[in-house]
Amino acid sequence: MTPISLVAPRKLLIGGGALAKLPALLAEFGLSRPLLVTDPWMVSSGTVERALAPLKGAGIATSVFSETVPDPTDTVVQAGVEALRAGDFDCLIGFGGGSPMDTAKAIAILAAAAPGQSMRDFKVPASADRAALPVICVPTTAGTGSEATRFTIVTDTQHDEKMLIAGLGALPLAAVVDYELTFSVPARVTADTGIDSLTHALEAYVSARANSVSDIYAQAAMRLIAANLRTAYAEPQNRAARAAMMEGATLAGLAFSNSSVALVHGMSRPLGAHFHVPHGLSNAMLLPAITAFGLEAGLPRYAEAARVMGVAPAGTPDAEAGALLLDELRALNEELGVPTPRAYGIPQDRFDSLLELMAEQALASGSPGNNPRVPTAAEIIALYREVYGN
């Protein structure tokens, strides 16, 4: 039997009010000079003060790098490395959604690189196992799960390509997962990040790389997300739903970090890179059609996912459970207002002109190879056309 390889942050603080423990968490690891990586909105809205206040109260001086953009780019990562080298820091704190956390991870990786290396040198299948400094993640959405994964996504601005970067260098040292940070998250972001989390758990579960431990994480995540996503979307102040979604997002991150994602993510990255569709939303656009594409090949797993999510009763035959899963994914998209690429405003002529390149980039990421049904480039193009919309 092949040994199971598992990775996780050394410490996770999960629960309402956990952010107050951030200074103590740093102290546990002997850290006291953080560079906090976030985005302009977190600064202008004052949300970043939720992290800065307890640090200041503990006498920890914190510098802020707030140039993160929605799809982290190699140029922003380079600017972050320069900011890191300009100060005397001993750790990075990624505070925000997936983009600030991914940026913090990428800064740590690039800062440890050899002279002349760029982020492209760490693109999968390369392994990014070294980081210059430890990273502590504080997610404010539920969410990308980046606080618990060995992955980061960086856009190559020269090639207009979202690159998957994987390795121990991208694994956070620790994370603070405080659902109280999500109360002010807009409904659209709640929906998109929630479906992103569900996609992480479902793809980890049906992936060719799934294992007995990643299955535990994936099943727990699917139960929480399926039962609470609609409530968190409709009732943003519902503490129980927000707590469940935050925990589910982190569990889903642990699931796919120890298994893998698959075709949805492989096709989602090019869609996001070329048309600047938020990552969670591009996943949501693709999830029903791609699940249908792989359903027969991965039926036992998809059927069990339906039963775990509560959309098919225990004992439901696989074929019926698989059909119910598809019904649920389509209903979720409709109820949460997920648009097609056409409805989102992507011009068809530009979409069509990039189909071959997007298919090539999807396959190059390696993620489609983990799908229950591994697609050809022609099948990926056909799927893009199917999801584009009438």
Protein backbone atom coordinates (compact mmCIF):
# COMPACT_ATOMS: atom_id res chain seq x y z
CA MET A 1 0.00 0.00 0.00
CA THR A 2 1.34 3.44 -0.94
CA PRO A 3 1.76 5.68 2.13
CA ILE A 4 -0.64 8.61 2.41
CA SER A 5 1.13 11.98 2.42
CA LEU A 6 -0.67 14.60 4.52
CA VAL A 7 0.02 18.29 5.15
CA ALA A 8 -1.67 20.89 7.35
CA PRO A 9 -0.78 24.11 9.17
CA ARG A 10 0.87 23.55 12.54
CA LYS A 11 -1.95 25.36 14.33
CA LEU A 12 -5.50 26.40 13.47
CA LEU A 13 -7.53 28.72 15.73
CA ILE A 14 -11.18 28.36 14.73
CA GLY A 15 -14.20 30.18 16.16
CA GLY A 16 -15.85 33.51 16.87
CA GLY A 17 -13.48 36.01 18.44
CA ALA A 18 -10.39 33.94 17.56
CA LEU A 19 -8.72 36.99 15.99
CA ALA A 20 -8.11 38.43 19.46
CA LYS A 21 -5.67 35.54 19.96
CA LEU A 22 -3.47 36.58 17.01
CA PRO A 23 -0.74 38.20 19.17
CA ALA A 24 -0.59 35.12 21.40
CA LEU A 25 -0.36 32.91 18.32
CA LEU A 26 2.64 34.88 17.04
CA ALA A 27 4.26 34.66 20.45
CA GLU A 28 3.85 30.86 20.51
CA PHE A 29 6.09 30.67 17.46
CA GLY A 30 8.51 33.33 18.66
CA LEU A 31 7.35 35.84 16.03
CA SER A 32 7.02 39.59 16.64
CA ARG A 33 7.77 41.54 13.44
CA PRO A 34 4.97 40.86 10.92
CA LEU A 35 4.33 42.32 7.49
CA LEU A 36 0.57 42.19 7.01
CA VAL A 37 -0.51 41.58 3.39
CA THR A 38 -4.00 42.73 2.47
CA ASP A 39 -5.92 44.64 -0.21
CA PRO A 40 -6.91 48.30 -0.65
CA TRP A 41 -10.56 47.70 0.32
CA MET A 42 -9.59 46.10 3.61
CA VAL A 43 -7.65 49.28 4.40
CA SER A 44 -10.19 51.83 3.14
CA SER A 45 -13.10 50.06 4.87
CA GLY A 46 -11.22 49.89 8.14
CA THR A 47 -11.56 46.09 8.25
CA VAL A 48 -7.79 45.66 8.55
CA GLU A 49 -8.00 47.35 11.95
CA ARG A 50 -9.66 44.17 13.23
CA ALA A 51 -6.24 42.54 12.91
CA LEU A 52 -4.05 45.57 13.64
CA ALA A 53 -5.79 46.55 16.89
CA PRO A 54 -4.98 43.41 18.89
CA LEU A 55 -1.42 43.44 17.55
CA LYS A 56 -0.97 47.07 18.58
CA GLY A 57 -2.49 46.31 21.96
CA ALA A 58 0.15 43.63 22.44
CA GLY A 59 2.93 46.05 21.51
CA ILE A 60 3.56 44.45 18.12
CA ALA A 61 4.44 47.02 15.46
CA THR A 62 2.95 45.91 12.15
CA SER A 63 3.69 47.18 8.65
CA VAL A 64 1.01 46.83 5.96
CA PHE A 65 1.41 45.92 2.29
CA SER A 66 -1.98 46.61 0.70
CA GLU A 67 -1.32 46.40 -3.04
CA THR A 68 -2.99 43.00 -3.48
CA VAL A 69 -5.33 42.77 -6.49
CA PRO A 70 -8.35 40.42 -6.98
CA ASP A 71 -6.34 38.00 -9.11
CA PRO A 72 -2.82 38.10 -7.61
CA THR A 73 -0.24 38.93 -10.26
CA ASP A 74 3.47 38.26 -10.53
CA THR A 75 4.09 42.03 -10.58
CA VAL A 76 2.26 42.55 -7.27
CA VAL A 77 4.13 39.61 -5.76
CA GLN A 78 7.44 41.17 -6.85
CA ALA A 79 6.39 44.47 -5.26
CA GLY A 80 5.59 42.56 -2.08
CA VAL A 81 9.02 40.94 -2.07
CA GLU A 82 10.59 44.39 -2.35
CA ALA A 83 8.49 45.60 0.58
CA LEU A 84 9.54 42.55 2.58
CA ARG A 85 13.23 43.12 1.89
CA ALA A 86 12.93 46.80 2.80
CA GLY A 87 12.06 45.95 6.40
CA ASP A 88 13.16 43.68 9.20
CA PHE A 89 10.31 41.18 9.26
CA ASP A 90 10.11 37.68 10.69
CA CYS A 91 6.73 36.59 9.29
CA LEU A 92 3.91 37.44 6.91
CA ILE A 93 0.22 37.71 7.78
CA GLY A 94 -2.20 37.19 4.90
CA PHE A 95 -5.40 39.03 5.89
CA GLY A 96 -8.46 38.98 3.61
CA GLY A 97 -9.98 36.71 1.00
CA GLY A 98 -8.06 34.28 -1.14
CA SER A 99 -6.12 36.98 -2.96
CA PRO A 100 -4.25 38.50 0.03
CA MET A 101 -3.57 35.04 1.46
CA ASP A 102 -2.30 33.73 -1.89
CA THR A 103 -0.20 36.87 -2.33
CA ALA A 104 1.40 36.47 1.09
CA LYS A 105 2.27 32.85 0.28
CA ALA A 106 3.72 33.79 -3.10
CA ILE A 107 5.80 36.60 -1.57
CA ALA A 108 7.29 34.11 0.88
CA ILE A 109 8.13 31.70 -1.95
CA LEU A 110 9.62 34.29 -4.31
CA ALA A 111 11.66 35.88 -1.50
CA ALA A 112 13.38 32.53 -1.03
CA ALA A 113 14.08 32.07 -4.75
CA ALA A 114 17.49 32.09 -6.36
CA PRO A 115 18.58 35.32 -8.11
CA GLY A 116 16.90 35.66 -11.48
CA GLN A 117 14.02 33.31 -10.70
CA SER A 118 10.41 34.46 -11.22
CA MET A 119 7.05 33.08 -10.14
CA ARG A 120 6.79 31.24 -13.45
CA ASP A 121 9.72 29.07 -12.38
CA PHE A 122 7.50 27.66 -9.61
CA LYS A 123 4.49 26.84 -11.80
CA VAL A 124 3.25 23.23 -11.53
CA PRO A 125 4.79 20.68 -12.14
CA ALA A 126 7.66 22.46 -10.32
CA SER A 127 7.53 22.13 -6.54
CA ALA A 128 7.68 25.29 -4.42
CA ASP A 129 8.91 23.86 -1.15
CA ARG A 130 10.90 26.77 0.27
CA ALA A 131 9.62 29.98 1.85
CA ALA A 132 11.70 32.84 3.16
CA LEU A 133 9.42 33.44 6.14
CA PRO A 134 6.46 31.69 7.79
CA VAL A 135 2.96 32.78 6.77
CA ILE A 136 -0.03 33.13 9.10
CA CYS A 137 -3.38 33.36 7.32
CA VAL A 138 -6.52 35.14 8.49
CA PRO A 139 -9.40 34.55 6.05
CA THR A 140 -12.26 37.04 5.91
CA THR A 141 -14.44 34.97 3.56
CA ALA A 142 -15.71 31.40 3.59
CA GLY A 143 -13.92 30.83 1.35
CA THR A 144 -11.01 29.72 -0.66
CA GLY A 145 -9.57 27.51 2.05
CA SER A 146 -6.16 28.98 1.25
CA GLU A 147 -5.46 29.25 4.97
CA ALA A 148 -5.07 25.46 5.05
CA THR A 149 -3.53 24.55 1.69
CA ARG A 150 -0.17 24.00 0.04
CA PHE A 151 -1.28 25.97 -3.02
CA THR A 152 -1.26 29.54 -4.28
CA ILE A 153 -2.50 30.97 -7.57
CA VAL A 154 -0.57 33.75 -9.33
CA THR A 155 -1.34 35.34 -12.70
CA ASP A 156 1.54 35.58 -15.17
CA THR A 157 0.89 39.04 -16.62
CA GLN A 158 3.03 38.41 -19.69
CA HIS A 159 1.15 35.28 -20.74
CA ASP A 160 -2.25 36.17 -19.18
CA GLU A 161 -2.23 32.82 -17.38
CA LYS A 162 -3.28 31.85 -13.87
CA MET A 163 -0.46 29.64 -12.61
CA LEU A 164 -0.94 26.95 -10.00
CA ILE A 165 1.96 27.02 -7.54
CA ALA A 166 2.20 24.03 -5.19
CA GLY A 167 4.55 22.96 -2.43
CA LEU A 168 5.37 23.17 1.25
CA GLY A 169 6.50 26.77 0.74
CA ALA A 170 2.85 27.69 0.21
CA LEU A 171 1.62 25.94 3.36
CA PRO A 172 0.81 28.41 6.15
CA LEU A 173 2.46 27.95 9.51
CA ALA A 174 -0.85 28.74 11.21
CA ALA A 175 -4.27 30.28 10.60
CA VAL A 176 -6.91 32.20 12.53
CA VAL A 177 -10.38 31.29 11.26
CA ASP A 178 -12.85 33.74 12.82
CA TYR A 179 -16.35 33.66 11.33
CA GLU A 180 -17.17 37.06 12.85
CA LEU A 181 -15.08 38.58 10.04
CA THR A 182 -17.67 37.35 7.50
CA PHE A 183 -20.75 39.19 8.80
CA SER A 184 -20.12 42.15 6.47
CA VAL A 185 -19.33 40.05 3.39
CA PRO A 186 -21.74 40.97 0.53
CA ALA A 187 -24.28 38.39 -0.64
CA ARG A 188 -22.58 37.96 -4.02
CA VAL A 189 -19.24 37.16 -2.39
CA THR A 190 -20.93 34.86 0.15
CA ALA A 191 -22.49 32.92 -2.72
CA ASP A 192 -19.38 32.72 -4.88
CA THR A 193 -16.97 31.80 -2.09
CA GLY A 194 -19.47 29.32 -0.68
CA ILE A 195 -19.80 27.48 -3.99
CA ASP A 196 -16.00 27.65 -4.29
CA SER A 197 -15.74 25.80 -0.97
CA LEU A 198 -18.31 23.24 -2.06
CA THR A 199 -16.35 22.72 -5.29
CA HIS A 200 -13.16 22.16 -3.30
CA ALA A 201 -14.81 19.49 -1.17
CA LEU A 202 -16.61 17.76 -4.04
CA GLU A 203 -13.58 17.73 -6.34
CA ALA A 204 -11.32 16.48 -3.54
CA TYR A 205 -13.79 13.66 -2.93
CA VAL A 206 -14.06 12.51 -6.57
CA SER A 207 -10.41 13.15 -7.43
CA ALA A 208 -8.16 10.32 -8.53
CA ARG A 209 -5.86 11.44 -5.70
CA ALA A 210 -8.47 11.10 -2.95
CA ASN A 211 -7.47 9.09 0.11
CA SER A 212 -9.08 7.92 3.33
CA VAL A 213 -8.05 11.04 5.27
CA SER A 214 -8.92 13.64 2.62
CA ASP A 215 -12.30 11.89 2.40
CA ILE A 216 -12.96 12.64 6.07
CA TYR A 217 -12.25 16.34 5.51
CA ALA A 218 -14.29 16.44 2.29
CA GLN A 219 -17.34 14.74 3.74
CA ALA A 220 -17.35 16.98 6.82
CA ALA A 221 -17.03 20.05 4.60
CA MET A 222 -19.84 18.99 2.25
CA ARG A 223 -22.19 18.37 5.17
CA LEU A 224 -21.57 21.82 6.64
CA ILE A 225 -21.65 23.78 3.38
CA ALA A 226 -24.70 22.06 1.87
CA ALA A 227 -26.72 22.66 5.03
CA ASN A 228 -25.71 26.29 5.58
CA LEU A 229 -24.85 28.07 2.31
CA ARG A 230 -28.38 29.20 1.48
CA THR A 231 -28.90 30.45 5.04
CA ALA A 232 -25.63 32.40 5.11
CA TYR A 233 -26.60 33.96 1.75
CA ALA A 234 -30.12 34.92 2.85
CA GLU A 235 -29.34 35.79 6.49
CA PRO A 236 -25.86 37.34 6.61
CA GLN A 237 -26.01 37.89 10.39
CA ASN A 238 -26.88 34.27 11.17
CA ARG A 239 -24.03 33.27 13.48
CA ALA A 240 -24.56 29.52 13.25
CA ALA A 241 -24.60 29.56 9.44
CA ARG A 242 -21.57 31.83 9.19
CA ALA A 243 -19.65 29.67 11.67
CA ALA A 244 -20.53 26.49 9.77
CA MET A 245 -19.52 27.99 6.42
CA MET A 246 -16.18 29.21 7.78
CA GLU A 247 -15.40 25.81 9.30
CA GLY A 248 -16.57 24.09 6.11
CA ALA A 249 -14.31 26.24 3.95
CA THR A 250 -11.25 25.38 6.05
CA LEU A 251 -12.11 21.66 6.05
CA ALA A 252 -12.57 21.81 2.27
CA GLY A 253 -9.13 23.44 2.01
CA LEU A 254 -7.62 20.61 4.05
CA ALA A 255 -9.43 18.12 1.81
CA PHE A 256 -8.14 19.35 -1.53
CA SER A 257 -4.69 20.20 -0.18
CA ASN A 258 -4.35 16.50 0.67
CA SER A 259 -6.13 15.21 -2.42
CA SER A 260 -6.44 17.62 -5.34
CA VAL A 261 -8.90 19.64 -7.31
CA ALA A 262 -9.93 18.49 -10.77
CA LEU A 263 -11.54 19.66 -14.00
CA VAL A 264 -13.66 22.51 -12.59
CA HIS A 265 -10.56 24.28 -11.29
CA GLY A 266 -8.54 23.41 -14.37
CA MET A 267 -11.10 25.20 -16.56
CA SER A 268 -11.87 27.93 -14.04
CA ARG A 269 -8.36 29.40 -13.91
CA PRO A 270 -8.19 30.37 -17.63
CA LEU A 271 -11.72 31.80 -17.44
CA GLY A 272 -10.65 33.97 -14.53
CA ALA A 273 -7.32 34.98 -16.06
CA HIS A 274 -8.67 36.09 -19.45
CA PHE A 275 -11.98 37.63 -18.37
CA HIS A 276 -11.30 38.63 -14.74
CA VAL A 277 -14.15 36.53 -13.40
CA PRO A 278 -13.78 36.07 -9.61
CA HIS A 279 -12.46 32.59 -8.88
CA GLY A 280 -15.45 31.35 -6.90
CA LEU A 281 -17.88 32.64 -9.51
CA SER A 282 -16.05 30.99 -12.40
CA ASN A 283 -16.12 27.70 -10.46
CA ALA A 284 -19.85 28.10 -9.92
CA MET A 285 -20.44 28.77 -13.62
CA LEU A 286 -18.71 25.50 -14.47
CA LEU A 287 -19.66 23.13 -11.64
CA PRO A 288 -23.00 21.69 -12.85
CA ALA A 289 -21.89 21.01 -16.44
CA ILE A 290 -18.56 19.50 -15.43
CA THR A 291 -20.19 17.33 -12.78
CA ALA A 292 -22.58 16.06 -15.48
CA PHE A 293 -19.58 15.38 -17.75
CA GLY A 294 -17.87 13.15 -15.18
CA LEU A 295 -20.95 11.72 -13.47
CA GLU A 296 -21.06 8.30 -15.07
CA ALA A 297 -17.31 7.73 -14.73
CA GLY A 298 -17.33 8.71 -11.05
CA LEU A 299 -20.88 7.70 -10.15
CA PRO A 300 -20.26 5.88 -6.84
CA ARG A 301 -18.38 8.88 -5.46
CA TYR A 302 -20.77 11.52 -6.79
CA ALA A 303 -23.71 9.50 -5.46
CA GLU A 304 -22.15 9.26 -2.01
CA ALA A 305 -21.49 13.02 -2.10
CA ALA A 306 -25.20 13.55 -2.75
CA ARG A 307 -26.06 11.41 0.26
CA VAL A 308 -23.49 13.18 2.46
CA MET A 309 -24.89 16.58 1.40
CA GLY A 310 -28.40 15.48 2.29
CA VAL A 311 -29.80 15.88 -1.22
CA ALA A 312 -30.30 12.10 -1.55
CA PRO A 313 -31.54 9.97 1.37
CA ALA A 314 -29.35 7.16 2.67
CA GLY A 315 -29.82 4.07 0.55
CA THR A 316 -30.75 5.97 -2.60
CA PRO A 317 -29.43 4.03 -5.64
CA ASP A 318 -26.34 5.57 -7.19
CA ALA A 319 -27.95 6.60 -10.49
CA GLU A 320 -30.81 8.38 -8.71
CA ALA A 321 -28.48 10.01 -6.17
CA GLY A 322 -26.22 11.26 -8.98
CA ALA A 323 -29.20 12.81 -10.76
CA LEU A 324 -30.30 14.48 -7.52
CA LEU A 325 -26.80 15.93 -7.08
CA LEU A 326 -27.00 17.53 -10.53
CA ASP A 327 -30.46 18.92 -9.71
CA GLU A 328 -29.07 20.43 -6.49
CA LEU A 329 -26.06 22.05 -8.15
CA ARG A 330 -28.26 23.61 -10.84
CA ALA A 331 -30.80 24.78 -8.25
CA LEU A 332 -28.04 26.28 -6.11
CA ASN A 333 -26.73 28.30 -9.04
CA GLU A 334 -30.21 29.55 -9.87
CA GLU A 335 -31.10 30.46 -6.28
CA LEU A 336 -27.77 32.20 -5.69
CA GLY A 337 -27.95 34.14 -8.95
CA VAL A 338 -24.90 32.64 -10.65
CA PRO A 339 -24.77 34.08 -14.22
CA THR A 340 -23.54 32.34 -17.35
CA PRO A 341 -20.38 33.76 -18.92
CA ARG A 342 -22.65 35.41 -21.53
CA ALA A 343 -24.86 36.99 -18.88
CA TYR A 344 -21.73 38.11 -17.01
CA GLY A 345 -20.85 40.20 -20.07
CA ILE A 346 -18.11 38.18 -21.72
CA PRO A 347 -18.26 38.88 -25.49
CA GLN A 348 -18.82 35.71 -27.49
CA ASP A 349 -16.30 36.55 -30.21
CA ARG A 350 -13.49 37.02 -27.68
CA PHE A 351 -14.62 33.94 -25.74
CA ASP A 352 -14.58 31.83 -28.91
CA SER A 353 -11.20 33.20 -29.98
CA LEU A 354 -9.61 32.04 -26.73
CA LEU A 355 -11.18 28.57 -26.48
CA GLU A 356 -8.17 26.65 -27.78
CA LEU A 357 -5.74 28.57 -25.56
CA MET A 358 -7.97 28.15 -22.49
CA ALA A 359 -8.23 24.41 -23.13
CA GLU A 360 -4.45 24.21 -23.50
CA GLN A 361 -3.91 26.13 -20.25
CA ALA A 362 -6.49 24.02 -18.41
CA LEU A 363 -4.77 20.79 -19.40
CA ALA A 364 -1.30 22.19 -18.62
CA SER A 365 -2.34 22.83 -15.01
CA GLY A 366 -2.63 19.09 -14.42
CA SER A 367 -5.94 19.41 -12.56
CA PRO A 368 -8.10 17.86 -15.34
CA GLY A 369 -6.00 14.70 -15.07
CA ASN A 370 -7.47 14.10 -11.60
CA ASN A 371 -11.08 14.16 -12.86
CA PRO A 372 -13.14 10.95 -12.83
CA ARG A 373 -13.43 11.39 -16.59
CA VAL A 374 -10.26 12.88 -18.04
CA PRO A 375 -11.12 15.19 -20.95
CA THR A 376 -9.44 15.88 -24.26
CA ALA A 377 -8.83 19.44 -25.40
CA ALA A 378 -11.81 19.12 -27.75
CA GLU A 379 -14.06 18.04 -24.86
CA ILE A 380 -12.90 20.99 -22.76
CA ILE A 381 -13.73 23.36 -25.62
CA ALA A 382 -17.17 21.75 -25.91
CA LEU A 383 -17.73 22.21 -22.17
CA TYR A 384 -16.74 25.89 -22.35
CA ARG A 385 -19.24 26.33 -25.18
CA GLU A 386 -21.94 24.54 -23.18
CA VAL A 387 -21.54 26.77 -20.12
CA TYR A 388 -21.27 30.02 -22.13
CA GLY A 389 -25.06 30.31 -22.32
CA ASN A 390 -27.66 31.19 -24.87
